[in-house]
Amino acid sequence: MAKTIALPEELYSELLEVKRESGAETFAEVVEMLLSIYRRHRVEELKKAIERLKLSDEEVEKVEEVVREARGRSWW
């Protein structure tokens, strides 16, 4: 089922520009693309943090478990 959202005019204009530049046919495609980029960025930032912290394999497994659990939450 489709949902309607309200955006300020300036944000709509930016979203329209991204739609045109990306070649997306629908705003849904643009939103999917932006969410995908956001998720990849989050994963990369987590990997960088783990590297900086020099976590043990066991600690890395714990972090991955927390991330898996968090992905199931509607607010994450």
Protein backbone atom coordinates (compact mmCIF):
# COMPACT_ATOMS: atom_id res chain seq x y z
CA MET A 1 0.00 0.00 0.00
CA ALA A 2 1.34 3.43 -0.89
CA LYS A 3 1.78 6.14 1.74
CA THR A 4 1.86 9.89 1.35
CA ILE A 5 4.45 12.02 3.11
CA ALA A 6 4.74 15.80 3.39
CA LEU A 7 8.04 17.49 2.60
CA PRO A 8 9.10 21.12 2.77
CA GLU A 9 9.34 22.62 -0.73
CA GLU A 10 13.13 22.92 -0.55
CA LEU A 11 13.55 19.25 0.38
CA TYR A 12 11.14 18.21 -2.38
CA SER A 13 13.21 20.20 -4.88
CA GLU A 14 16.39 18.47 -3.74
CA LEU A 15 14.73 15.07 -3.94
CA LEU A 16 13.49 15.87 -7.44
CA GLU A 17 17.03 16.84 -8.46
CA VAL A 18 18.38 13.54 -7.13
CA LYS A 19 15.63 11.71 -9.01
CA ARG A 20 16.60 13.40 -12.29
CA GLU A 21 20.35 12.96 -11.77
CA SER A 22 20.07 9.30 -10.78
CA GLY A 23 17.75 8.36 -13.61
CA ALA A 24 15.21 6.96 -11.16
CA GLU A 25 11.71 6.69 -12.53
CA THR A 26 9.90 7.11 -9.22
CA PHE A 27 10.46 8.80 -5.89
CA ALA A 28 10.21 5.35 -4.30
CA GLU A 29 13.34 4.35 -6.25
CA VAL A 30 15.12 7.48 -4.99
CA VAL A 31 14.18 6.74 -1.39
CA GLU A 32 15.30 3.11 -1.76
CA MET A 33 18.62 4.27 -3.22
CA LEU A 34 19.19 6.80 -0.44
CA LEU A 35 18.33 4.24 2.25
CA SER A 36 20.72 1.75 0.69
CA ILE A 37 23.52 4.34 0.70
CA TYR A 38 22.70 5.23 4.31
CA ARG A 39 22.81 1.58 5.40
CA ARG A 40 26.13 0.93 3.63
CA HIS A 41 27.57 4.05 5.25
CA ARG A 42 26.46 2.83 8.69
CA VAL A 43 28.13 -0.55 8.13
CA GLU A 44 31.35 1.09 6.93
CA GLU A 45 31.42 3.40 9.96
CA LEU A 46 30.94 0.40 12.25
CA LYS A 47 33.80 -1.44 10.53
CA LYS A 48 36.05 1.61 10.97
CA ALA A 49 35.13 1.86 14.65
CA ILE A 50 35.89 -1.82 15.19
CA GLU A 51 39.24 -1.41 13.47
CA ARG A 52 40.09 1.63 15.61
CA LEU A 53 39.14 -0.24 18.75
CA LYS A 54 41.10 -3.34 17.77
CA LEU A 55 38.41 -5.61 19.17
CA SER A 56 39.06 -9.29 19.73
CA ASP A 57 37.21 -11.83 17.58
CA GLU A 58 34.89 -12.54 20.50
CA GLU A 59 34.11 -8.83 20.92
CA VAL A 60 33.49 -8.48 17.19
CA GLU A 61 31.02 -11.37 17.36
CA LYS A 62 29.19 -9.63 20.22
CA VAL A 63 28.98 -6.39 18.24
CA GLU A 64 27.68 -8.26 15.19
CA GLU A 65 25.04 -9.95 17.36
CA VAL A 66 23.88 -6.59 18.72
CA VAL A 67 23.69 -5.19 15.19
CA ARG A 68 21.62 -8.19 14.01
CA GLU A 69 19.22 -7.70 16.93
CA ALA A 70 19.00 -3.96 16.30
CA ARG A 71 18.12 -4.49 12.63
CA GLY A 72 14.96 -6.23 13.76
CA ARG A 73 13.80 -3.15 15.65
CA SER A 74 11.47 -0.78 13.86
CA TRP A 75 13.34 2.30 15.13
CA TRP A 76 16.84 1.23 13.99
